């Protein structure tokens, strides 16, 4: 099955917004064994959209189109779809009813612009949008099936998961001479992409049925494994063998697989051991707390934190002694240790973490230039420890990698700690 994506909208080609829909769909299709062949981005120009639809439908079995289905004057993707198919637009009574229900549920009078969303190409199939007003529209164009989805990510994802992917899955199951595939995404930290490649590619000749791929998702690097075989059992076995070999080589750099993200994985480690955590942040400005509290149920483990940006607040909120700040400065090993120990004491947690550094672009000293960060860990049964790291890049990158580094200090400690009886 050949699948292409077409994204429409001036906001995409002018850089006003980033296309996150395609990334999401590519990952979901890859899980089904489908690799997207091409992604095309087109501005709000009728001939360009019409031409792109005709070209994609001539190449692909499935074309998934996003954007241009709303109530405004520049929402004319379905007009282009009708032109490409050589059919008129017509008002669909079902879609009109859905739109009227949407507006009534919000206590709003329907406006004339909204009625545009009820006009679809003759012969196309509308599907109700559970998150918004513009429907999913399915149309045949030549041999291709076209799916037209609204570009709003929340609506797009709901329709992809609820309507598009089940149909694609059904078509795949009915394909003759199907090649079966199995997938794994191994997520690593503290391992540059070039080093990841160097460590795992020597394994590739021993696993001829598995394709090795790589993806950078800062501060992580991911290894993609895709096995292909005549049967699902053979594909699963080939994948399992390659994954096991890669895990041996990569060791603790692998923190999770597939959809298992870092913060939930770390919180799960803490939870299983009955531990709690607090953080004191300076240069990261609450980034660590934000990542942890984005996970449902984080409050069972993460009890609190403090953004102690100034020297005054380092003393007032997490108990850094003023003489430590005066003698060693706010960015120092001694201050980082005092912050970790202080927040642990203040919150009564098993562990305390801290970060202080120069994120830039200003600041720094000859001894500790911009990009220098001190990360500290305090906890029971060991002497508090601090690591000094030098991070390259702009302010956002320094903050991101500093947060990752200190959390990884904790994860590695938990993995090395003896299991309680």
Protein backbone atom coordinates (compact mmCIF):
# COMPACT_ATOMS: atom_id res chain seq x y z
CA UNK A 1 0.00 0.00 0.00
CA UNK A 2 1.41 3.36 -1.04
CA UNK A 3 0.36 6.24 1.22
CA UNK A 4 1.01 9.94 0.67
CA UNK A 5 0.16 12.96 2.82
CA UNK A 6 -0.91 16.36 1.55
CA UNK A 7 -0.98 19.34 3.90
CA UNK A 8 -2.60 22.62 2.85
CA UNK A 9 -2.40 26.14 4.22
CA UNK A 10 -0.41 29.35 3.86
CA UNK A 11 0.44 29.15 7.57
CA UNK A 12 2.49 26.02 6.85
CA UNK A 13 4.48 27.35 3.91
CA UNK A 14 5.18 30.69 5.61
CA UNK A 15 6.46 29.13 8.83
CA UNK A 16 3.72 30.55 11.06
CA UNK A 17 2.96 27.08 12.40
CA UNK A 18 4.72 23.72 12.34
CA UNK A 19 3.12 20.67 10.76
CA UNK A 20 2.75 18.26 13.69
CA UNK A 21 -0.10 16.32 12.09
CA UNK A 22 2.11 14.56 9.55
CA UNK A 23 4.61 13.48 12.20
CA UNK A 24 1.82 12.00 14.29
CA UNK A 25 0.25 10.13 11.38
CA UNK A 26 3.58 8.86 10.06
CA UNK A 27 4.27 7.24 13.43
CA UNK A 28 0.81 5.70 13.67
CA UNK A 29 1.02 4.31 10.12
CA UNK A 30 4.50 2.96 10.76
CA UNK A 31 3.02 0.95 13.64
CA UNK A 32 0.76 -0.72 11.06
CA UNK A 33 3.67 -1.53 8.76
CA UNK A 34 3.06 1.35 6.36
CA UNK A 35 5.83 3.79 5.53
CA UNK A 36 4.61 7.11 4.15
CA UNK A 37 6.10 7.59 0.68
CA UNK A 38 5.78 11.35 0.34
CA UNK A 39 4.59 14.43 2.24
CA UNK A 40 3.56 17.47 0.17
CA UNK A 41 2.87 20.92 1.62
CA UNK A 42 0.88 23.39 -0.48
CA UNK A 43 -0.26 26.95 0.23
CA UNK A 44 -3.78 28.28 -0.17
CA UNK A 45 -3.71 28.39 -3.97
CA UNK A 46 -6.55 26.59 -5.72
CA UNK A 47 -4.65 25.38 -8.82
CA UNK A 48 -1.77 24.15 -6.64
CA UNK A 49 -4.06 22.14 -4.35
CA UNK A 50 -6.03 20.70 -7.27
CA UNK A 51 -2.83 19.74 -9.06
CA UNK A 52 -1.34 18.19 -5.94
CA UNK A 53 -4.48 16.08 -5.45
CA UNK A 54 -4.35 14.80 -9.03
CA UNK A 55 -0.63 14.03 -8.83
CA UNK A 56 -0.83 12.23 -5.46
CA UNK A 57 -3.88 10.19 -6.45
CA UNK A 58 -2.07 9.03 -9.59
CA UNK A 59 0.79 7.62 -7.50
CA UNK A 60 -0.80 6.46 -4.25
CA UNK A 61 -3.41 4.04 -2.99
CA UNK A 62 -4.30 6.31 -0.06
CA UNK A 63 -3.90 10.09 0.16
CA UNK A 64 -4.53 11.78 3.51
CA UNK A 65 -5.17 15.50 3.22
CA UNK A 66 -5.26 17.98 6.09
CA UNK A 67 -6.43 21.58 6.28
CA UNK A 68 -8.81 23.87 4.47
CA UNK A 69 -12.13 22.40 5.64
CA UNK A 70 -13.25 25.19 7.95
CA UNK A 71 -15.79 28.05 7.67
CA UNK A 72 -13.57 30.82 6.29
CA UNK A 73 -12.94 32.10 2.77
CA UNK A 74 -9.52 30.43 2.53
CA UNK A 75 -10.97 27.00 3.38
CA UNK A 76 -11.46 25.64 -0.12
CA UNK A 77 -9.76 22.23 -0.11
CA UNK A 78 -13.05 20.44 -0.86
CA UNK A 79 -13.69 22.81 -3.76
CA UNK A 80 -10.36 21.68 -5.18
CA UNK A 81 -11.27 18.03 -4.52
CA UNK A 82 -14.48 18.49 -6.48
CA UNK A 83 -12.59 20.15 -9.31
CA UNK A 84 -10.05 17.33 -9.39
CA UNK A 85 -12.85 14.74 -9.60
CA UNK A 86 -14.89 16.76 -12.11
CA UNK A 87 -17.99 16.85 -9.88
CA UNK A 88 -19.91 19.67 -8.19
CA UNK A 89 -20.16 20.44 -4.50
CA UNK A 90 -23.51 19.75 -2.88
CA UNK A 91 -24.94 20.41 0.56
CA UNK A 92 -25.11 17.19 2.58
CA UNK A 93 -28.10 17.00 4.93
CA UNK A 94 -26.24 14.78 7.41
CA UNK A 95 -23.33 17.18 7.72
CA UNK A 96 -25.70 20.13 8.05
CA UNK A 97 -27.48 18.35 10.89
CA UNK A 98 -24.18 17.64 12.67
CA UNK A 99 -23.16 21.29 12.40
CA UNK A 100 -26.53 22.49 13.72
CA UNK A 101 -26.20 20.11 16.69
CA UNK A 102 -22.68 21.39 17.41
CA UNK A 103 -23.79 25.01 17.50
CA UNK A 104 -26.90 24.23 19.54
CA UNK A 105 -24.85 22.36 22.14
CA UNK A 106 -22.72 25.49 22.60
CA UNK A 107 -25.76 27.75 22.81
CA UNK A 108 -24.68 29.58 19.66
CA UNK A 109 -26.61 30.64 16.58
CA UNK A 110 -25.24 29.06 13.42
CA UNK A 111 -23.48 31.55 11.17
CA UNK A 112 -23.50 31.54 7.34
CA UNK A 113 -19.79 30.70 7.15
CA UNK A 114 -20.34 27.43 9.01
CA UNK A 115 -22.68 26.25 6.28
CA UNK A 116 -19.66 26.00 3.95
CA UNK A 117 -18.59 22.92 5.90
CA UNK A 118 -21.77 21.07 4.82
CA UNK A 119 -20.83 21.30 1.12
CA UNK A 120 -18.90 18.23 -0.06
CA UNK A 121 -18.05 16.75 -3.47
CA UNK A 122 -20.85 14.74 -5.05
CA UNK A 123 -20.36 11.05 -4.32
CA UNK A 124 -18.03 11.61 -1.35
CA UNK A 125 -18.71 10.08 2.06
CA UNK A 126 -18.85 12.34 5.13
CA UNK A 127 -17.93 11.05 8.60
CA UNK A 128 -18.86 12.92 11.76
CA UNK A 129 -16.09 14.77 13.59
CA UNK A 130 -16.29 13.95 17.34
CA UNK A 131 -14.16 16.95 18.29
CA UNK A 132 -15.35 19.73 15.97
CA UNK A 133 -17.64 20.84 13.19
CA UNK A 134 -15.79 20.09 9.94
CA UNK A 135 -16.40 16.45 8.95
CA UNK A 136 -13.97 13.90 7.64
CA UNK A 137 -14.67 13.45 3.92
CA UNK A 138 -13.72 10.29 2.02
CA UNK A 139 -13.53 10.45 -1.78
CA UNK A 140 -12.39 8.16 -4.58
CA UNK A 141 -10.16 9.76 -7.19
CA UNK A 142 -8.95 7.31 -9.82
CA UNK A 143 -7.64 4.27 -7.95
CA UNK A 144 -6.85 6.26 -4.82
CA UNK A 145 -8.90 6.73 -1.68
CA UNK A 146 -8.63 10.30 -0.36
CA UNK A 147 -9.26 11.28 3.24
CA UNK A 148 -9.86 14.98 3.91
CA UNK A 149 -9.33 15.93 7.56
CA UNK A 150 -9.48 19.24 9.44
CA UNK A 151 -6.05 20.60 10.29
CA UNK A 152 -6.73 21.32 13.99
CA UNK A 153 -4.47 18.74 15.71
CA UNK A 154 -7.03 17.67 18.31
CA UNK A 155 -9.65 17.00 15.63
CA UNK A 156 -7.13 15.52 13.20
CA UNK A 157 -5.84 12.97 15.70
CA UNK A 158 -9.31 11.93 16.83
CA UNK A 159 -10.33 11.21 13.24
CA UNK A 160 -7.04 9.52 12.37
CA UNK A 161 -7.32 7.14 15.33
CA UNK A 162 -11.06 6.59 15.18
CA UNK A 163 -11.74 6.48 11.45
CA UNK A 164 -8.71 6.50 9.15
CA UNK A 165 -6.43 3.92 10.77
CA UNK A 166 -9.16 1.27 11.26
CA UNK A 167 -9.95 1.46 7.55
CA UNK A 168 -6.29 1.23 6.56
CA UNK A 169 -5.84 -1.72 8.92
CA UNK A 170 -8.76 -3.51 7.29
CA UNK A 171 -7.39 -2.96 3.78
CA UNK A 172 -3.99 -4.23 4.82
CA UNK A 173 -5.48 -7.42 6.26
CA UNK A 174 -7.19 -8.16 2.94
CA UNK A 175 -4.11 -7.60 0.77
CA UNK A 176 -2.94 -10.72 -1.14
CA UNK A 177 0.72 -11.72 -0.81
CA UNK A 178 1.06 -9.47 2.17
CA UNK A 179 4.46 -8.94 3.75
CA UNK A 180 4.14 -9.07 7.52
CA UNK A 181 5.99 -6.56 9.65
CA UNK A 182 6.88 -6.04 13.30
CA UNK A 183 8.25 -2.87 14.86
CA UNK A 184 10.10 -1.63 17.89
CA UNK A 185 11.28 1.84 18.84
CA UNK A 186 14.05 1.79 21.44
CA UNK A 187 14.45 5.10 23.25
CA UNK A 188 17.92 6.07 24.46
CA UNK A 189 19.43 8.93 26.46
CA UNK A 190 22.99 10.21 26.93
CA UNK A 191 23.98 8.61 23.65
CA UNK A 192 24.76 10.76 20.57
CA UNK A 193 23.15 9.60 17.34
CA UNK A 194 26.52 8.85 15.73
CA UNK A 195 27.52 6.67 18.70
CA UNK A 196 24.17 4.89 18.65
CA UNK A 197 24.72 4.11 14.98
CA UNK A 198 28.28 2.94 15.64
CA UNK A 199 27.18 0.58 18.40
CA UNK A 200 24.24 -1.13 16.71
CA UNK A 201 25.04 -1.25 12.99
CA UNK A 202 27.62 -4.06 13.41
CA UNK A 203 24.63 -6.17 14.47
CA UNK A 204 22.73 -5.60 11.21
CA UNK A 205 24.37 -8.38 9.12
CA UNK A 206 23.24 -10.93 11.72
CA UNK A 207 19.63 -9.77 11.35
CA UNK A 208 18.95 -9.62 7.59
CA UNK A 209 15.18 -9.39 8.00
CA UNK A 210 15.41 -6.26 10.17
CA UNK A 211 15.83 -2.68 8.95
CA UNK A 212 17.73 -0.42 11.36
CA UNK A 213 16.80 3.28 11.45
CA UNK A 214 17.53 6.27 13.63
CA UNK A 215 15.67 9.33 14.86
CA UNK A 216 16.81 12.27 16.95
CA UNK A 217 14.27 13.67 19.38
CA UNK A 218 16.35 15.89 21.65
CA UNK A 219 17.50 15.16 24.28
CA UNK A 220 16.98 11.55 23.18
CA UNK A 221 18.00 9.41 20.24
CA UNK A 222 15.80 6.56 19.07
CA UNK A 223 16.55 3.29 17.30
CA UNK A 224 13.84 2.06 14.94
CA UNK A 225 13.71 -1.66 14.18
CA UNK A 226 11.40 -3.02 11.48
CA UNK A 227 11.28 -6.74 10.70
CA UNK A 228 9.72 -8.10 7.49
CA UNK A 229 8.80 -11.73 6.83
CA UNK A 230 6.25 -13.95 5.02
CA UNK A 231 4.37 -14.62 8.28
CA UNK A 232 3.70 -12.56 11.40
CA UNK A 233 5.32 -15.19 13.61
CA UNK A 234 8.57 -14.99 11.63
CA UNK A 235 8.52 -11.18 11.70
CA UNK A 236 7.93 -11.17 15.47
CA UNK A 237 10.77 -13.63 16.03
CA UNK A 238 13.20 -11.67 13.86
CA UNK A 239 12.33 -8.46 15.69
CA UNK A 240 12.70 -10.07 19.13
CA UNK A 241 16.17 -11.37 18.26
CA UNK A 242 17.37 -8.01 16.93
CA UNK A 243 15.90 -6.12 19.89
CA UNK A 244 17.57 -8.44 22.40
CA UNK A 245 20.95 -8.00 20.71
CA UNK A 246 20.58 -4.21 20.65
CA UNK A 247 19.59 -4.06 24.31
CA UNK A 248 22.72 -6.00 25.26
CA UNK A 249 24.91 -3.51 23.41
CA UNK A 250 23.08 -0.38 24.57
CA UNK A 251 22.53 -1.38 28.20
CA UNK A 252 21.07 1.28 30.49
CA UNK A 253 21.07 3.86 27.72
CA UNK A 254 17.73 2.32 26.74
CA UNK A 255 15.07 3.67 29.09
CA UNK A 256 11.95 2.51 27.26
CA UNK A 257 10.34 1.30 24.06
CA UNK A 258 7.62 2.35 21.65
CA UNK A 259 5.29 4.89 23.31
CA UNK A 260 6.92 4.64 26.74
CA UNK A 261 8.25 8.17 27.34
CA UNK A 262 10.92 9.27 29.80
CA UNK A 263 8.98 11.01 32.57
CA UNK A 264 6.42 8.20 32.99
CA UNK A 265 9.23 5.63 32.96
CA UNK A 266 11.16 7.45 35.69
CA UNK A 267 8.07 8.00 37.84
CA UNK A 268 7.20 4.32 37.50
CA UNK A 269 10.66 3.37 38.77
CA UNK A 270 10.22 5.64 41.78
CA UNK A 271 6.71 4.39 42.44
CA UNK A 272 7.64 0.70 42.36
CA UNK A 273 10.32 1.34 44.97
CA UNK A 274 8.02 3.48 47.12
CA UNK A 275 10.20 6.61 46.71
CA UNK A 276 9.28 10.28 46.47
CA UNK A 277 11.02 13.21 44.79
CA UNK A 278 11.41 16.98 45.04
CA UNK A 279 13.43 19.33 42.81
CA UNK A 280 15.13 22.70 43.15
CA UNK A 281 15.63 24.44 39.81
CA UNK A 282 17.54 27.54 38.87
CA UNK A 283 18.49 27.75 35.18
CA UNK A 284 15.83 25.23 34.11
CA UNK A 285 13.13 27.45 35.57
CA UNK A 286 10.58 24.73 36.34
CA UNK A 287 11.17 22.64 33.22
CA UNK A 288 11.77 19.49 35.27
CA UNK A 289 8.63 19.97 37.34
CA UNK A 290 6.64 20.66 34.17
CA UNK A 291 7.78 17.39 32.55
CA UNK A 292 7.00 15.34 35.64
CA UNK A 293 3.61 16.88 36.40
CA UNK A 294 2.47 16.34 32.80
CA UNK A 295 2.14 12.65 33.73
CA UNK A 296 -1.21 11.67 35.28
CA UNK A 297 -0.75 10.44 38.84
CA UNK A 298 2.65 12.11 39.24
CA UNK A 299 1.58 13.50 42.63
CA UNK A 300 1.99 10.03 44.16
CA UNK A 301 5.74 10.38 43.62
CA UNK A 302 6.60 13.99 42.84
CA UNK A 303 5.75 16.03 45.93
CA UNK A 304 6.94 19.46 44.86
CA UNK A 305 9.68 21.74 43.71
CA UNK A 306 11.00 25.26 43.84
CA UNK A 307 12.22 27.60 41.10
CA UNK A 308 14.98 29.37 43.03
CA UNK A 309 16.31 31.73 40.42
CA UNK A 310 17.86 34.38 42.65
CA UNK A 311 20.40 33.90 45.42
CA UNK A 312 17.86 35.23 47.92
CA UNK A 313 15.35 32.52 47.05
CA UNK A 314 18.01 29.81 47.06
CA UNK A 315 18.51 30.61 50.73
CA UNK A 316 14.89 31.38 51.63
CA UNK A 317 13.19 28.42 49.96
CA UNK A 318 15.70 25.58 49.92
CA UNK A 319 18.08 26.62 52.69
CA UNK A 320 21.31 27.27 50.81
CA UNK A 321 23.57 28.91 53.44
CA UNK A 322 24.42 32.53 52.51
CA UNK A 323 28.11 31.90 53.16
CA UNK A 324 28.09 29.10 50.54
CA UNK A 325 26.68 31.51 47.97
CA UNK A 326 29.12 34.22 48.96
CA UNK A 327 32.16 31.96 48.88
CA UNK A 328 31.34 29.73 45.89
CA UNK A 329 28.67 31.65 43.87
CA UNK A 330 25.20 30.58 42.81
CA UNK A 331 26.61 28.39 40.03
CA UNK A 332 28.87 25.95 41.81
CA UNK A 333 29.14 22.40 43.03
CA UNK A 334 28.62 23.49 46.63
CA UNK A 335 25.44 25.43 45.84
CA UNK A 336 23.98 22.60 43.75
CA UNK A 337 24.56 20.12 46.58
CA UNK A 338 23.00 22.46 49.12
CA UNK A 339 19.98 22.97 46.86
CA UNK A 340 19.39 19.23 46.44
CA UNK A 341 19.76 18.53 50.13
CA UNK A 342 17.68 21.56 51.07
CA UNK A 343 14.70 20.76 48.86
CA UNK A 344 14.77 17.15 50.01
CA UNK A 345 14.60 18.26 53.63
CA UNK A 346 11.96 20.91 52.97
CA UNK A 347 9.64 18.50 51.16
CA UNK A 348 10.43 15.39 53.22
CA UNK A 349 11.13 13.26 50.16
CA UNK A 350 13.33 10.26 49.47
CA UNK A 351 15.34 12.14 46.86
CA UNK A 352 16.17 15.71 46.04
CA UNK A 353 17.46 16.96 42.69
CA UNK A 354 18.90 20.34 41.78
CA UNK A 355 20.13 22.24 38.73
CA UNK A 356 22.04 25.52 38.60
CA UNK A 357 24.03 26.90 35.70
CA UNK A 358 24.56 29.44 32.95
CA UNK A 359 22.04 28.86 30.17
CA UNK A 360 23.12 31.96 28.24
CA UNK A 361 23.41 33.89 26.14
CA UNK A 362 24.91 36.12 28.86
CA UNK A 363 26.64 35.25 32.11
CA UNK A 364 29.35 32.74 32.75
CA UNK A 365 32.88 33.06 34.05
CA UNK A 366 36.28 32.00 32.69
CA UNK A 367 36.09 28.91 34.91
CA UNK A 368 32.41 28.21 34.22
CA UNK A 369 31.47 29.62 30.79
CA UNK A 370 27.97 29.72 29.32
CA UNK A 371 26.65 26.18 29.04
CA UNK A 372 28.14 25.08 32.36
CA UNK A 373 25.55 23.37 34.56
CA UNK A 374 25.84 21.71 37.96
CA UNK A 375 23.37 18.86 38.62
CA UNK A 376 23.06 17.33 42.10
CA UNK A 377 21.31 14.34 43.66
CA UNK A 378 20.64 13.84 47.37
CA UNK A 379 19.08 10.79 48.95
CA UNK A 380 19.30 8.15 51.65
CA UNK A 381 22.26 5.84 52.20
CA UNK A 382 24.82 7.65 50.05
CA UNK A 383 26.78 10.86 49.99
CA UNK A 384 25.12 13.58 47.92
CA UNK A 385 26.78 13.89 44.56
CA UNK A 386 27.09 16.54 41.91
CA UNK A 387 28.05 16.40 38.23
CA UNK A 388 29.37 19.34 36.23
CA UNK A 389 28.36 19.26 32.57
CA UNK A 390 29.25 21.54 29.65
CA UNK A 391 26.38 21.86 27.21
CA UNK A 392 26.56 23.39 23.74
CA UNK A 393 23.78 25.25 21.98
CA UNK A 394 21.33 28.05 22.62
CA UNK A 395 19.49 28.78 25.86
CA UNK A 396 16.62 26.38 25.15
CA UNK A 397 18.96 23.51 24.34
CA UNK A 398 21.08 24.04 27.46
CA UNK A 399 17.97 24.05 29.66
CA UNK A 400 16.55 20.95 27.95
CA UNK A 401 19.72 18.89 28.28
CA UNK A 402 20.34 20.08 31.84
CA UNK A 403 16.90 18.83 32.89
CA UNK A 404 17.52 15.54 31.11
CA UNK A 405 20.94 15.09 32.70
CA UNK A 406 19.82 15.49 36.30
CA UNK A 407 16.82 13.20 35.84
CA UNK A 408 19.11 10.61 34.30
CA UNK A 409 21.36 10.83 37.39
CA UNK A 410 18.37 9.70 39.42
CA UNK A 411 17.28 6.96 37.00
CA UNK A 412 20.75 5.42 36.88
CA UNK A 413 20.94 5.53 40.68
CA UNK A 414 17.61 3.71 40.92
CA UNK A 415 18.74 1.04 38.44
CA UNK A 416 21.96 0.48 40.38
CA UNK A 417 20.36 0.48 43.83
CA UNK A 418 19.73 -2.90 45.49
CA UNK A 419 16.14 -4.11 45.32
CA UNK A 420 14.37 -3.99 48.69
CA UNK A 421 13.11 -7.35 49.93
